């Protein structure tokens, strides 16, 4: 295990921008195109952010979403109670 990395865990080195893109992806219902529009970037940039998160953590996109929400680092307003 490298310093700060644990396979199967959401990387503590994930940037806030990467988390924002992941939240937009979730809010857009898994649509890369719609997530890109929400954040104001190109679809290829959304794909790159998601690929970087997957590579750092060893998780699938679905697992990233679960781990992010469970840790409180991924907040998607449309999914939050109340």
N, C-alpha and C. Protein backbone atom coordinates (compact mmCIF):
# COMPACT_ATOMS: atom_id res chain seq x y z
N UNK A 1 0.85 -1.18 0.00
CA UNK A 1 0.00 0.00 0.00
C UNK A 1 0.89 1.24 0.00
N UNK A 2 0.62 2.14 -0.91
CA UNK A 2 1.36 3.40 -0.94
C UNK A 2 0.79 4.34 0.11
N UNK A 3 1.57 5.33 0.49
CA UNK A 3 1.11 6.30 1.49
C UNK A 3 -0.19 6.96 1.05
N UNK A 4 -1.19 6.90 1.89
CA UNK A 4 -2.45 7.58 1.63
C UNK A 4 -3.39 6.84 0.69
N UNK A 5 -3.00 5.65 0.25
CA UNK A 5 -3.83 4.90 -0.68
C UNK A 5 -4.27 3.59 -0.05
N UNK A 6 -5.52 3.27 -0.18
CA UNK A 6 -6.05 2.01 0.28
C UNK A 6 -7.00 1.52 -0.80
N UNK A 7 -6.69 0.42 -1.43
CA UNK A 7 -7.54 -0.08 -2.50
C UNK A 7 -8.94 -0.33 -1.96
N UNK A 8 -9.92 0.15 -2.70
CA UNK A 8 -11.30 -0.05 -2.30
C UNK A 8 -11.84 1.07 -1.43
N UNK A 9 -11.07 2.12 -1.24
CA UNK A 9 -11.53 3.26 -0.45
C UNK A 9 -11.48 4.51 -1.32
N UNK A 10 -12.35 5.45 -1.03
CA UNK A 10 -12.35 6.71 -1.75
C UNK A 10 -11.09 7.47 -1.37
N UNK A 11 -10.32 7.85 -2.35
CA UNK A 11 -9.03 8.50 -2.11
C UNK A 11 -9.20 9.83 -1.38
N UNK A 12 -8.37 10.02 -0.36
CA UNK A 12 -8.39 11.31 0.33
C UNK A 12 -7.79 12.40 -0.54
N UNK A 13 -7.11 11.99 -1.60
CA UNK A 13 -6.52 12.94 -2.52
C UNK A 13 -7.45 13.35 -3.65
N UNK A 14 -8.67 12.85 -3.63
CA UNK A 14 -9.65 13.27 -4.62
C UNK A 14 -9.89 14.77 -4.45
N UNK A 15 -9.84 15.50 -5.53
CA UNK A 15 -10.03 16.94 -5.45
C UNK A 15 -11.50 17.30 -5.28
N UNK A 16 -11.75 18.49 -4.82
CA UNK A 16 -13.13 18.94 -4.68
C UNK A 16 -13.80 18.99 -6.05
N UNK A 17 -13.05 19.35 -7.07
CA UNK A 17 -13.60 19.40 -8.43
C UNK A 17 -14.02 18.01 -8.88
N UNK A 18 -13.21 17.00 -8.59
CA UNK A 18 -13.58 15.63 -8.95
C UNK A 18 -14.86 15.21 -8.23
N UNK A 19 -14.97 15.59 -6.97
CA UNK A 19 -16.18 15.25 -6.21
C UNK A 19 -17.39 16.01 -6.75
N UNK A 20 -17.19 17.26 -7.18
CA UNK A 20 -18.28 18.03 -7.79
C UNK A 20 -18.75 17.38 -9.09
N UNK A 21 -17.81 16.90 -9.88
CA UNK A 21 -18.15 16.23 -11.14
C UNK A 21 -18.89 14.93 -10.85
N UNK A 22 -18.43 14.18 -9.85
CA UNK A 22 -19.12 12.94 -9.49
C UNK A 22 -20.54 13.25 -9.01
N UNK A 23 -20.71 14.30 -8.22
CA UNK A 23 -22.05 14.69 -7.76
C UNK A 23 -22.93 15.09 -8.93
N UNK A 24 -22.38 15.82 -9.90
CA UNK A 24 -23.14 16.21 -11.08
C UNK A 24 -23.54 14.98 -11.89
N UNK A 25 -22.65 14.02 -11.98
CA UNK A 25 -22.92 12.77 -12.69
C UNK A 25 -24.11 12.05 -12.05
N UNK A 26 -24.12 12.00 -10.73
CA UNK A 26 -25.23 11.36 -10.00
C UNK A 26 -26.51 12.15 -10.22
N UNK A 27 -26.43 13.47 -10.06
CA UNK A 27 -27.61 14.33 -10.23
C UNK A 27 -28.18 14.23 -11.64
N UNK A 28 -27.31 13.97 -12.62
CA UNK A 28 -27.73 13.87 -14.01
C UNK A 28 -28.21 12.46 -14.36
N UNK A 29 -28.32 11.61 -13.37
CA UNK A 29 -28.82 10.27 -13.60
C UNK A 29 -27.85 9.38 -14.35
N UNK A 30 -26.55 9.66 -14.24
CA UNK A 30 -25.55 8.83 -14.89
C UNK A 30 -25.25 9.24 -16.32
N UNK A 31 -25.71 10.41 -16.71
CA UNK A 31 -25.46 10.91 -18.06
C UNK A 31 -24.21 11.81 -18.06
N UNK A 32 -23.21 11.40 -18.82
CA UNK A 32 -21.98 12.19 -18.91
C UNK A 32 -22.28 13.54 -19.55
N UNK A 33 -23.08 13.54 -20.61
CA UNK A 33 -23.41 14.78 -21.31
C UNK A 33 -24.13 15.76 -20.38
N UNK A 34 -25.12 15.28 -19.65
CA UNK A 34 -25.87 16.16 -18.74
C UNK A 34 -25.00 16.63 -17.57
N UNK A 35 -24.14 15.76 -17.07
CA UNK A 35 -23.22 16.15 -15.99
C UNK A 35 -22.29 17.26 -16.48
N UNK A 36 -21.80 17.13 -17.70
CA UNK A 36 -20.92 18.15 -18.26
C UNK A 36 -21.63 19.50 -18.34
N UNK A 37 -22.88 19.49 -18.74
CA UNK A 37 -23.65 20.73 -18.82
C UNK A 37 -23.87 21.33 -17.44
N UNK A 38 -24.15 20.49 -16.44
CA UNK A 38 -24.36 20.98 -15.08
C UNK A 38 -23.12 21.68 -14.52
N UNK A 39 -21.95 21.12 -14.82
CA UNK A 39 -20.71 21.65 -14.27
C UNK A 39 -20.08 22.70 -15.19
N UNK A 40 -20.45 22.69 -16.46
CA UNK A 40 -19.90 23.67 -17.40
C UNK A 40 -18.56 23.26 -17.99
N UNK A 41 -18.40 21.95 -18.21
CA UNK A 41 -17.18 21.44 -18.82
C UNK A 41 -17.55 20.50 -19.97
N UNK A 42 -16.54 20.04 -20.69
CA UNK A 42 -16.79 19.12 -21.80
C UNK A 42 -17.04 17.71 -21.27
N UNK A 43 -17.83 16.91 -22.01
CA UNK A 43 -18.06 15.52 -21.61
C UNK A 43 -16.76 14.72 -21.44
N UNK A 44 -15.78 15.00 -22.27
CA UNK A 44 -14.50 14.27 -22.16
C UNK A 44 -13.81 14.58 -20.83
N UNK A 45 -14.01 15.78 -20.31
CA UNK A 45 -13.42 16.14 -19.02
C UNK A 45 -14.14 15.40 -17.89
N UNK A 46 -15.45 15.25 -18.00
CA UNK A 46 -16.21 14.46 -17.02
C UNK A 46 -15.67 13.04 -17.00
N UNK A 47 -15.50 12.45 -18.19
CA UNK A 47 -14.99 11.08 -18.28
C UNK A 47 -13.60 10.97 -17.66
N UNK A 48 -12.76 11.98 -17.88
CA UNK A 48 -11.40 11.97 -17.34
C UNK A 48 -11.41 12.02 -15.81
N UNK A 49 -12.26 12.90 -15.25
CA UNK A 49 -12.37 12.99 -13.79
C UNK A 49 -12.84 11.66 -13.20
N UNK A 50 -13.85 11.06 -13.81
CA UNK A 50 -14.36 9.79 -13.31
C UNK A 50 -13.31 8.68 -13.43
N UNK A 51 -12.59 8.66 -14.54
CA UNK A 51 -11.54 7.66 -14.74
C UNK A 51 -10.42 7.83 -13.72
N UNK A 52 -10.05 9.08 -13.42
CA UNK A 52 -9.02 9.33 -12.42
C UNK A 52 -9.46 8.83 -11.04
N UNK A 53 -10.71 9.11 -10.68
CA UNK A 53 -11.22 8.63 -9.40
C UNK A 53 -11.21 7.11 -9.33
N UNK A 54 -11.63 6.46 -10.42
CA UNK A 54 -11.64 4.99 -10.44
C UNK A 54 -10.23 4.43 -10.34
N UNK A 55 -9.29 5.04 -11.05
CA UNK A 55 -7.91 4.56 -11.04
C UNK A 55 -7.27 4.71 -9.66
N UNK A 56 -7.52 5.80 -8.99
CA UNK A 56 -6.93 6.04 -7.67
C UNK A 56 -7.48 5.12 -6.61
N UNK A 57 -8.76 4.76 -6.73
CA UNK A 57 -9.41 4.02 -5.66
C UNK A 57 -9.53 2.52 -5.92
N UNK A 58 -9.54 2.13 -7.19
CA UNK A 58 -9.78 0.73 -7.52
C UNK A 58 -11.25 0.36 -7.44
N UNK A 59 -12.12 1.37 -7.38
CA UNK A 59 -13.56 1.15 -7.28
C UNK A 59 -14.24 1.41 -8.61
N UNK A 60 -15.41 0.80 -8.80
CA UNK A 60 -16.23 1.13 -9.95
C UNK A 60 -16.92 2.46 -9.68
N UNK A 61 -17.55 3.03 -10.69
CA UNK A 61 -18.25 4.30 -10.50
C UNK A 61 -19.36 4.15 -9.46
N UNK A 62 -20.09 3.05 -9.52
CA UNK A 62 -21.16 2.82 -8.55
C UNK A 62 -20.60 2.73 -7.12
N UNK A 63 -19.47 2.06 -6.98
CA UNK A 63 -18.85 1.95 -5.66
C UNK A 63 -18.32 3.29 -5.18
N UNK A 64 -17.82 4.12 -6.11
CA UNK A 64 -17.38 5.47 -5.75
C UNK A 64 -18.54 6.28 -5.19
N UNK A 65 -19.68 6.17 -5.83
CA UNK A 65 -20.86 6.91 -5.39
C UNK A 65 -21.26 6.46 -3.98
N UNK A 66 -21.31 5.15 -3.79
CA UNK A 66 -21.68 4.61 -2.47
C UNK A 66 -20.68 5.06 -1.41
N UNK A 67 -19.39 4.89 -1.69
CA UNK A 67 -18.35 5.25 -0.72
C UNK A 67 -18.36 6.75 -0.44
N UNK A 68 -18.57 7.55 -1.46
CA UNK A 68 -18.61 9.01 -1.28
C UNK A 68 -19.77 9.45 -0.41
N UNK A 69 -20.93 8.87 -0.67
CA UNK A 69 -22.11 9.23 0.14
C UNK A 69 -21.97 8.70 1.56
N UNK A 70 -21.44 7.49 1.71
CA UNK A 70 -21.28 6.90 3.04
C UNK A 70 -20.29 7.70 3.88
N UNK A 71 -19.26 8.25 3.26
CA UNK A 71 -18.25 9.01 4.00
C UNK A 71 -18.65 10.46 4.22
N UNK A 72 -19.70 10.89 3.53
CA UNK A 72 -20.14 12.28 3.64
C UNK A 72 -19.40 13.24 2.73
N UNK A 73 -18.49 12.73 1.91
CA UNK A 73 -17.73 13.58 0.99
C UNK A 73 -18.48 13.88 -0.29
N UNK A 74 -19.48 13.04 -0.63
CA UNK A 74 -20.26 13.24 -1.85
C UNK A 74 -21.67 13.67 -1.44
N UNK A 75 -21.98 14.92 -1.71
CA UNK A 75 -23.29 15.46 -1.37
C UNK A 75 -24.01 15.80 -2.67
N UNK A 76 -25.17 15.16 -2.88
CA UNK A 76 -26.00 15.42 -4.04
C UNK A 76 -27.31 15.99 -3.51
N UNK A 77 -27.50 17.33 -3.63
CA UNK A 77 -28.69 17.95 -3.03
C UNK A 77 -30.01 17.28 -3.38
N UNK A 78 -30.15 16.81 -4.61
CA UNK A 78 -31.43 16.20 -5.01
C UNK A 78 -31.68 14.86 -4.30
N UNK A 79 -30.66 14.26 -3.70
CA UNK A 79 -30.81 12.99 -3.00
C UNK A 79 -30.87 13.12 -1.49
N UNK A 80 -30.58 14.33 -1.00
CA UNK A 80 -30.54 14.53 0.45
C UNK A 80 -31.97 14.65 1.01
N UNK A 81 -32.19 14.09 2.19
CA UNK A 81 -33.53 14.17 2.81
C UNK A 81 -33.85 15.60 3.25
N UNK A 82 -35.14 15.89 3.22
CA UNK A 82 -35.65 17.15 3.74
C UNK A 82 -35.30 18.32 2.96
